[in-house]
C-alpha atoms as a PDB file:
ATOM      1  CA  MET A   1      92.268 153.962 187.993  1.00  0.00           C
ATOM      2  CA  PRO A   2      95.376 156.050 187.205  1.00  0.00           C
ATOM      3  CA  ASN A   3      98.293 154.175 185.700  1.00  0.00           C
ATOM      4  CA  SER A   4     100.585 155.550 188.411  1.00  0.00           C
ATOM      5  CA  GLN A   5      98.866 153.240 190.909  1.00  0.00           C
ATOM      6  CA  VAL A   6     100.295 150.151 189.217  1.00  0.00           C
ATOM      7  CA  PRO A   7     103.149 148.790 191.378  1.00  0.00           C
ATOM      8  CA  GLN A   8     106.518 149.876 190.027  1.00  0.00           C
ATOM      9  CA  LYS A   9     108.430 146.910 191.484  1.00  0.00           C
ATOM     10  CA  GLY A  10     106.440 144.598 189.246  1.00  0.00           C
ATOM     11  CA  LEU A  11     104.100 144.640 186.287  1.00  0.00           C
ATOM     12  CA  GLY A  12     100.875 144.548 188.296  1.00  0.00           C
ATOM     13  CA  LEU A  13      97.982 142.530 186.895  1.00  0.00           C
ATOM     14  CA  TYR A  14      99.058 140.582 183.805  1.00  0.00           C
ATOM     15  CA  VAL A  15      95.967 139.759 181.736  1.00  0.00           C
ATOM     16  CA  ILE A  16      95.959 136.694 179.497  1.00  0.00           C
ATOM     17  CA  ILE A  17      93.236 136.519 176.861  1.00  0.00           C
ATOM     18  CA  THR A  18      92.211 132.982 176.003  1.00  0.00           C
ATOM     19  CA  ARG A  19      88.687 131.874 175.058  1.00  0.00           C
ATOM     20  CA  PRO A  20      87.161 135.013 176.605  1.00  0.00           C
ATOM     21  CA  THR A  21      83.517 135.448 177.539  1.00  0.00           C
ATOM     22  CA  LEU A  22      83.639 139.054 176.350  1.00  0.00           C
ATOM     23  CA  SER A  23      85.008 140.122 172.970  1.00  0.00           C
ATOM     24  CA  TYR A  24      88.749 140.540 172.497  1.00  0.00           C
ATOM     25  CA  ALA A  25      88.261 144.205 171.674  1.00  0.00           C
ATOM     26  CA  ARG A  26      86.187 144.923 174.775  1.00  0.00           C
ATOM     27  CA  ILE A  27      88.744 143.302 177.059  1.00  0.00           C
ATOM     28  CA  ALA A  28      91.550 145.285 175.443  1.00  0.00           C
ATOM     29  CA  GLU A  29      89.593 148.523 175.786  1.00  0.00           C
ATOM     30  CA  GLN A  30      88.946 147.853 179.451  1.00  0.00           C
ATOM     31  CA  CYS A  31      92.593 146.969 180.048  1.00  0.00           C
ATOM     32  CA  VAL A  32      93.583 150.324 178.598  1.00  0.00           C
ATOM     33  CA  LYS A  33      90.985 152.091 180.735  1.00  0.00           C
ATOM     34  CA  LEU A  34      92.289 150.366 183.881  1.00  0.00           C
ATOM     35  CA  GLY A  35      95.902 151.135 183.057  1.00  0.00           C
ATOM     36  CA  ILE A  36      96.822 147.431 182.929  1.00  0.00           C
ATOM     37  CA  ARG A  37     100.394 147.209 181.723  1.00  0.00           C
ATOM     38  CA  MET A  38     100.496 143.720 180.188  1.00  0.00           C
ATOM     39  CA  LEU A  39      97.907 142.089 177.917  1.00  0.00           C
ATOM     40  CA  GLN A  40      98.822 138.715 176.436  1.00  0.00           C
ATOM     41  CA  LEU A  41      97.026 137.021 173.565  1.00  0.00           C
ATOM     42  CA  ARG A  42      97.193 133.260 174.119  1.00  0.00           C
ATOM     43  CA  GLU A  43      95.051 131.309 171.664  1.00  0.00           C
ATOM     44  CA  LYS A  44      96.586 127.999 170.653  1.00  0.00           C
ATOM     45  CA  GLU A  45      93.668 126.571 168.672  1.00  0.00           C
ATOM     46  CA  LEU A  46      92.920 129.396 166.227  1.00  0.00           C
ATOM     47  CA  ASP A  47      94.129 129.253 162.638  1.00  0.00           C
ATOM     48  CA  ASP A  48      96.905 131.648 161.696  1.00  0.00           C
ATOM     49  CA  ARG A  49      94.732 134.127 159.800  1.00  0.00           C
ATOM     50  CA  LYS A  50      92.255 134.461 162.650  1.00  0.00           C
ATOM     51  CA  LEU A  51      95.050 134.769 165.217  1.00  0.00           C
ATOM     52  CA  LEU A  52      96.776 137.489 163.218  1.00  0.00           C
ATOM     53  CA  SER A  53      93.491 139.349 162.724  1.00  0.00           C
ATOM     54  CA  ILE A  54      92.806 139.366 166.469  1.00  0.00           C
ATOM     55  CA  ALA A  55      96.398 140.355 167.256  1.00  0.00           C
ATOM     56  CA  ARG A  56      96.165 143.341 164.911  1.00  0.00           C
ATOM     57  CA  GLU A  57      92.824 144.359 166.407  1.00  0.00           C
ATOM     58  CA  LEU A  58      94.313 144.303 169.895  1.00  0.00           C
ATOM     59  CA  ARG A  59      97.339 146.225 168.676  1.00  0.00           C
ATOM     60  CA  SER A  60      95.144 148.937 167.183  1.00  0.00           C
ATOM     61  CA  ILE A  61      93.499 149.388 170.589  1.00  0.00           C
ATOM     62  CA  THR A  62      96.651 149.292 172.730  1.00  0.00           C
ATOM     63  CA  ARG A  63      98.985 151.256 170.463  1.00  0.00           C
ATOM     64  CA  GLY A  64     100.054 154.508 172.075  1.00  0.00           C
ATOM     65  CA  THR A  65      98.737 153.492 175.511  1.00  0.00           C
ATOM     66  CA  ASN A  66     100.433 152.148 178.638  1.00  0.00           C
ATOM     67  CA  THR A  67      98.994 148.695 177.930  1.00  0.00           C
ATOM     68  CA  LYS A  68     101.613 146.534 176.238  1.00  0.00           C
ATOM     69  CA  LEU A  69     100.543 143.777 173.863  1.00  0.00           C
ATOM     70  CA  VAL A  70     102.182 140.382 174.373  1.00  0.00           C
ATOM     71  CA  ILE A  71     101.894 137.566 171.845  1.00  0.00           C
ATOM     72  CA  ASN A  72     102.237 134.050 173.202  1.00  0.00           C
ATOM     73  CA  ASP A  73     104.366 131.394 171.465  1.00  0.00           C
ATOM     74  CA  ARG A  74     104.401 132.944 167.989  1.00  0.00           C
ATOM     75  CA  PRO A  75     107.311 135.192 167.009  1.00  0.00           C
ATOM     76  CA  ASP A  76     105.928 135.453 163.473  1.00  0.00           C
ATOM     77  CA  ILE A  77     102.565 136.785 164.663  1.00  0.00           C
ATOM     78  CA  ALA A  78     104.312 139.080 167.146  1.00  0.00           C
ATOM     79  CA  ALA A  79     106.425 140.571 164.361  1.00  0.00           C
ATOM     80  CA  LEU A  80     103.529 140.904 161.902  1.00  0.00           C
ATOM     81  CA  CYS A  81     101.295 142.773 164.360  1.00  0.00           C
ATOM     82  CA  ASP A  82     104.163 144.847 165.776  1.00  0.00           C
ATOM     83  CA  ALA A  83     103.598 143.596 169.328  1.00  0.00           C
ATOM     84  CA  ASP A  84     105.448 145.021 172.306  1.00  0.00           C
ATOM     85  CA  TYR A  85     106.441 141.635 173.723  1.00  0.00           C
ATOM     86  CA  LEU A  86     106.794 137.999 172.720  1.00  0.00           C
ATOM     87  CA  HIS A  87     106.232 135.328 175.369  1.00  0.00           C
ATOM     88  CA  LEU A  88     107.901 131.941 175.009  1.00  0.00           C
ATOM     89  CA  GLY A  89     107.272 128.697 176.882  1.00  0.00           C
ATOM     90  CA  GLN A  90     109.647 125.875 177.685  1.00  0.00           C
ATOM     91  CA  ASP A  91     108.637 123.946 174.538  1.00  0.00           C
ATOM     92  CA  ASP A  92     108.704 126.926 172.161  1.00  0.00           C
ATOM     93  CA  ILE A  93     111.593 127.842 169.898  1.00  0.00           C
ATOM     94  CA  PRO A  94     114.670 129.101 171.806  1.00  0.00           C
ATOM     95  CA  ILE A  95     114.865 132.795 172.562  1.00  0.00           C
ATOM     96  CA  GLU A  96     118.014 133.068 170.397  1.00  0.00           C
ATOM     97  CA  GLN A  97     116.106 131.791 167.355  1.00  0.00           C
ATOM     98  CA  ALA A  98     113.081 133.976 168.108  1.00  0.00           C
ATOM     99  CA  ARG A  99     115.354 137.017 168.082  1.00  0.00           C
ATOM    100  CA  LYS A 100     116.029 136.358 164.387  1.00  0.00           C
ATOM    101  CA  ILE A 101     112.337 137.026 163.746  1.00  0.00           C
ATOM    102  CA  VAL A 102     111.406 139.712 166.293  1.00  0.00           C
ATOM    103  CA  GLY A 103     114.732 141.540 166.561  1.00  0.00           C
ATOM    104  CA  ASN A 104     114.960 143.678 169.691  1.00  0.00           C
ATOM    105  CA  MET A 105     111.360 143.081 170.770  1.00  0.00           C
ATOM    106  CA  LYS A 106     111.071 142.435 174.500  1.00  0.00           C
ATOM    107  CA  ILE A 107     110.670 138.776 175.452  1.00  0.00           C
ATOM    108  CA  GLY A 108     109.315 136.972 178.497  1.00  0.00           C
ATOM    109  CA  LEU A 109     109.947 133.318 179.346  1.00  0.00           C
ATOM    110  CA  SER A 110     107.811 130.750 181.185  1.00  0.00           C
ATOM    111  CA  THR A 111     109.434 128.681 183.950  1.00  0.00           C
ATOM    112  CA  HIS A 112     108.083 125.889 186.111  1.00  0.00           C
ATOM    113  CA  SER A 113     110.871 125.204 188.609  1.00  0.00           C
ATOM    114  CA  ILE A 114     113.679 127.030 190.373  1.00  0.00           C
ATOM    115  CA  GLU A 115     116.188 125.386 188.033  1.00  0.00           C
ATOM    116  CA  GLN A 116     114.280 126.540 184.954  1.00  0.00           C
ATOM    117  CA  ALA A 117     114.034 130.052 186.375  1.00  0.00           C
ATOM    118  CA  LYS A 118     117.798 130.227 186.889  1.00  0.00           C
ATOM    119  CA  GLU A 119     118.456 128.921 183.376  1.00  0.00           C
ATOM    120  CA  ALA A 120     115.940 131.351 181.869  1.00  0.00           C
ATOM    121  CA  LEU A 121     117.556 134.325 183.594  1.00  0.00           C
ATOM    122  CA  LYS A 122     120.871 133.489 181.917  1.00  0.00           C
ATOM    123  CA  LYS A 123     119.171 134.347 178.605  1.00  0.00           C
ATOM    124  CA  ARG A 124     118.399 137.848 179.916  1.00  0.00           C
ATOM    125  CA  PRO A 125     114.626 137.974 179.333  1.00  0.00           C
ATOM    126  CA  ASP A 126     112.635 141.082 180.193  1.00  0.00           C
ATOM    127  CA  TYR A 127     110.545 139.088 182.680  1.00  0.00           C
ATOM    128  CA  ILE A 128     109.862 135.473 183.634  1.00  0.00           C
ATOM    129  CA  GLY A 129     106.633 133.687 184.389  1.00  0.00           C
ATOM    130  CA  PHE A 130     106.713 131.213 187.290  1.00  0.00           C
ATOM    131  CA  GLY A 131     104.104 128.597 188.041  1.00  0.00           C
ATOM    132  CA  PRO A 132     101.653 127.097 188.264  1.00  0.00           C
ATOM    133  CA  ILE A 133     101.493 128.344 191.827  1.00  0.00           C
ATOM    134  CA  TYR A 134      98.369 126.292 192.549  1.00  0.00           C
ATOM    135  CA  PRO A 135      96.723 123.383 190.699  1.00  0.00           C
ATOM    136  CA  THR A 136      95.130 124.550 187.465  1.00  0.00           C
ATOM    137  CA  ASN A 137      93.200 123.190 184.485  1.00  0.00           C
ATOM    138  CA  ALA A 138      93.749 126.289 182.344  1.00  0.00           C
ATOM    139  CA  LYS A 139      96.147 124.199 180.233  1.00  0.00           C
ATOM    140  CA  ALA A 140      95.562 120.772 178.718  1.00  0.00           C
ATOM    141  CA  LYS A 141      98.729 119.382 180.350  1.00  0.00           C
ATOM    142  CA  PRO A 142      99.494 121.563 183.374  1.00  0.00           C
ATOM    143  CA  ASP A 143     102.803 121.307 185.210  1.00  0.00           C
ATOM    144  CA  ALA A 144     102.939 120.332 188.876  1.00  0.00           C
ATOM    145  CA  PRO A 145     102.217 123.236 191.265  1.00  0.00           C
ATOM    146  CA  VAL A 146     105.332 125.006 192.539  1.00  0.00           C
ATOM    147  CA  GLY A 147     103.738 126.659 195.568  1.00  0.00           C
ATOM    148  CA  THR A 148     104.420 129.993 197.212  1.00  0.00           C
ATOM    149  CA  ALA A 149     107.660 128.985 198.971  1.00  0.00           C
ATOM    150  CA  GLN A 150     109.421 128.389 195.656  1.00  0.00           C
ATOM    151  CA  LEU A 151     107.837 131.539 194.244  1.00  0.00           C
ATOM    152  CA  LYS A 152     109.395 133.585 197.051  1.00  0.00           C
ATOM    153  CA  GLN A 153     112.819 132.117 196.301  1.00  0.00           C
ATOM    154  CA  VAL A 154     112.548 133.101 192.646  1.00  0.00           C
ATOM    155  CA  VAL A 155     111.262 136.585 193.505  1.00  0.00           C
ATOM    156  CA  ASP A 156     114.236 137.052 195.835  1.00  0.00           C
ATOM    157  CA  PHE A 157     116.913 136.166 193.259  1.00  0.00           C
ATOM    158  CA  SER A 158     115.364 137.397 190.008  1.00  0.00           C
ATOM    159  CA  PRO A 159     116.683 140.721 188.659  1.00  0.00           C
ATOM    160  CA  VAL A 160     113.638 141.042 186.369  1.00  0.00           C
ATOM    161  CA  PRO A 161     109.894 141.007 187.169  1.00  0.00           C
ATOM    162  CA  VAL A 162     108.443 137.604 188.062  1.00  0.00           C
ATOM    163  CA  ILE A 163     104.888 136.845 186.944  1.00  0.00           C
ATOM    164  CA  ALA A 164     103.096 134.483 189.336  1.00  0.00           C
ATOM    165  CA  ILE A 165     100.659 132.328 187.377  1.00  0.00           C
ATOM    166  CA  GLY A 166      98.461 129.286 187.756  1.00  0.00           C
ATOM    167  CA  GLY A 167      95.331 128.640 189.785  1.00  0.00           C
ATOM    168  CA  ILE A 168      95.267 132.118 191.322  1.00  0.00           C
ATOM    169  CA  PHE A 169      91.886 133.446 192.448  1.00  0.00           C
ATOM    170  CA  PRO A 170      90.769 136.132 194.923  1.00  0.00           C
ATOM    171  CA  GLU A 171      90.424 133.531 197.675  1.00  0.00           C
ATOM    172  CA  ASN A 172      94.061 132.390 197.452  1.00  0.00           C
ATOM    173  CA  ILE A 173      95.870 135.480 196.181  1.00  0.00           C
ATOM    174  CA  ASP A 174      97.044 136.758 199.586  1.00  0.00           C
ATOM    175  CA  PRO A 175      99.722 134.078 200.178  1.00  0.00           C
ATOM    176  CA  VAL A 176     101.001 134.770 196.650  1.00  0.00           C
ATOM    177  CA  LEU A 177     101.317 138.504 197.274  1.00  0.00           C
ATOM    178  CA  GLN A 178     102.944 137.862 200.655  1.00  0.00           C
ATOM    179  CA  THR A 179     105.981 136.512 198.753  1.00  0.00           C
ATOM    180  CA  GLY A 180     106.723 140.028 197.546  1.00  0.00           C
ATOM    181  CA  VAL A 181     105.816 139.299 193.927  1.00  0.00           C
ATOM    182  CA  GLY A 182     104.546 142.386 192.129  1.00  0.00           C
ATOM    183  CA  SER A 183     103.006 140.708 189.096  1.00  0.00           C
ATOM    184  CA  ILE A 184     100.030 138.354 188.969  1.00  0.00           C
ATOM    185  CA  ALA A 185      98.665 136.567 185.891  1.00  0.00           C
ATOM    186  CA  MET A 186      95.086 135.304 185.907  1.00  0.00           C
ATOM    187  CA  VAL A 187      93.154 133.403 183.272  1.00  0.00           C
ATOM    188  CA  ARG A 188      89.924 131.741 184.405  1.00  0.00           C
ATOM    189  CA  HIS A 189      88.922 134.394 186.936  1.00  0.00           C
ATOM    190  CA  LEU A 190      89.032 137.104 184.280  1.00  0.00           C
ATOM    191  CA  MET A 191      88.100 135.203 181.135  1.00  0.00           C
ATOM    192  CA  GLN A 192      85.078 133.307 182.445  1.00  0.00           C
ATOM    193  CA  THR A 193      83.095 136.352 183.508  1.00  0.00           C
ATOM    194  CA  GLU A 194      81.038 139.107 181.924  1.00  0.00           C
ATOM    195  CA  PHE A 195      82.288 141.468 184.642  1.00  0.00           C
ATOM    196  CA  PHE A 196      85.894 141.684 183.547  1.00  0.00           C
ATOM    197  CA  TYR A 197      86.320 145.355 184.477  1.00  0.00           C
ATOM    198  CA  GLU A 198      85.069 144.924 188.048  1.00  0.00           C
ATOM    199  CA  CYS A 199      87.059 141.722 188.647  1.00  0.00           C
ATOM    200  CA  ALA A 200      90.265 143.180 187.231  1.00  0.00           C
ATOM    201  CA  LYS A 201      89.862 146.408 189.213  1.00  0.00           C
ATOM    202  CA  MET A 202      89.517 144.442 192.443  1.00  0.00           C
ATOM    203  CA  ILE A 203      92.711 142.476 191.754  1.00  0.00           C
ATOM    204  CA  ILE A 204      94.626 145.636 190.863  1.00  0.00           C
ATOM    205  CA  GLU A 205      93.561 147.208 194.142  1.00  0.00           C
ATOM    206  CA  LYS A 206      94.654 144.093 196.053  1.00  0.00           C
ATOM    207  CA  ILE A 207      98.099 144.109 194.388  1.00  0.00           C
ATOM    208  CA  ASN A 208      98.478 147.794 195.167  1.00  0.00           C
ATOM    209  CA  GLU A 209      97.599 147.218 198.834  1.00  0.00           C
ATOM    210  CA  TYR A 210     100.528 144.835 199.193  1.00  0.00           C
ATOM    211  CA  ASP A 211     102.849 147.103 197.234  1.00  0.00           C
ATOM    212  CA  HIS A 212     101.938 150.007 199.537  1.00  0.00           C
ATOM    213  CA  ALA A 213     102.491 147.878 202.654  1.00  0.00           C
ATOM    214  CA  THR A 214     105.891 146.748 201.389  1.00  0.00           C
ATOM    215  CA  THR A 215     106.940 150.330 200.732  1.00  0.00           C
ATOM    216  CA  ILE A 216     105.961 151.377 204.285  1.00  0.00           C
ATOM    217  CA  CYS A 217     107.943 148.512 205.833  1.00  0.00           C
ATOM    218  CA  GLN A 218     111.155 149.209 203.929  1.00  0.00           C
END
């Protein structure tokens, strides 16, 4: 699928690699082939050497493509593998301190409430994550679901892309996209399958359908 089909008002499908069924390399290669713009490495239980090795492997595949590599939580790993983005959660080191390690690297921030979203935007991130939208067990201690009504509020006031995340599957993605969000993160649906390419392609097409409908209505 041509990269030009990715919605411009958002970041499209945001892929998070964590405990994948397929190899890290194969997922990265397929992300590049699909024109997926954001690929995050989120592995909290690997030792540092293994994490850095995987990060560098992903970077070697995505370098020079439209697929941007995001490293979760770890500014040191992000700097060492020359990632495109660093992603920080609410319990990670502050963005101001991370800047001392990654310099001008682009940074995204996780938020779990409208108040957190507003506070995060004051720090001028390149995007914010918002969720979980629905109940999820993708994390050991998930936050309470925020729902689509709060997501729409954040989408309406955020000057940067908002990534909807948490418990999103094909069967419940429509209400999420109806908020006007242009970026969807998925974990279990894409990581717990051997058919990553087909599943990701279907979600990309769904996001693009809503983006096209929004453009017609404007």
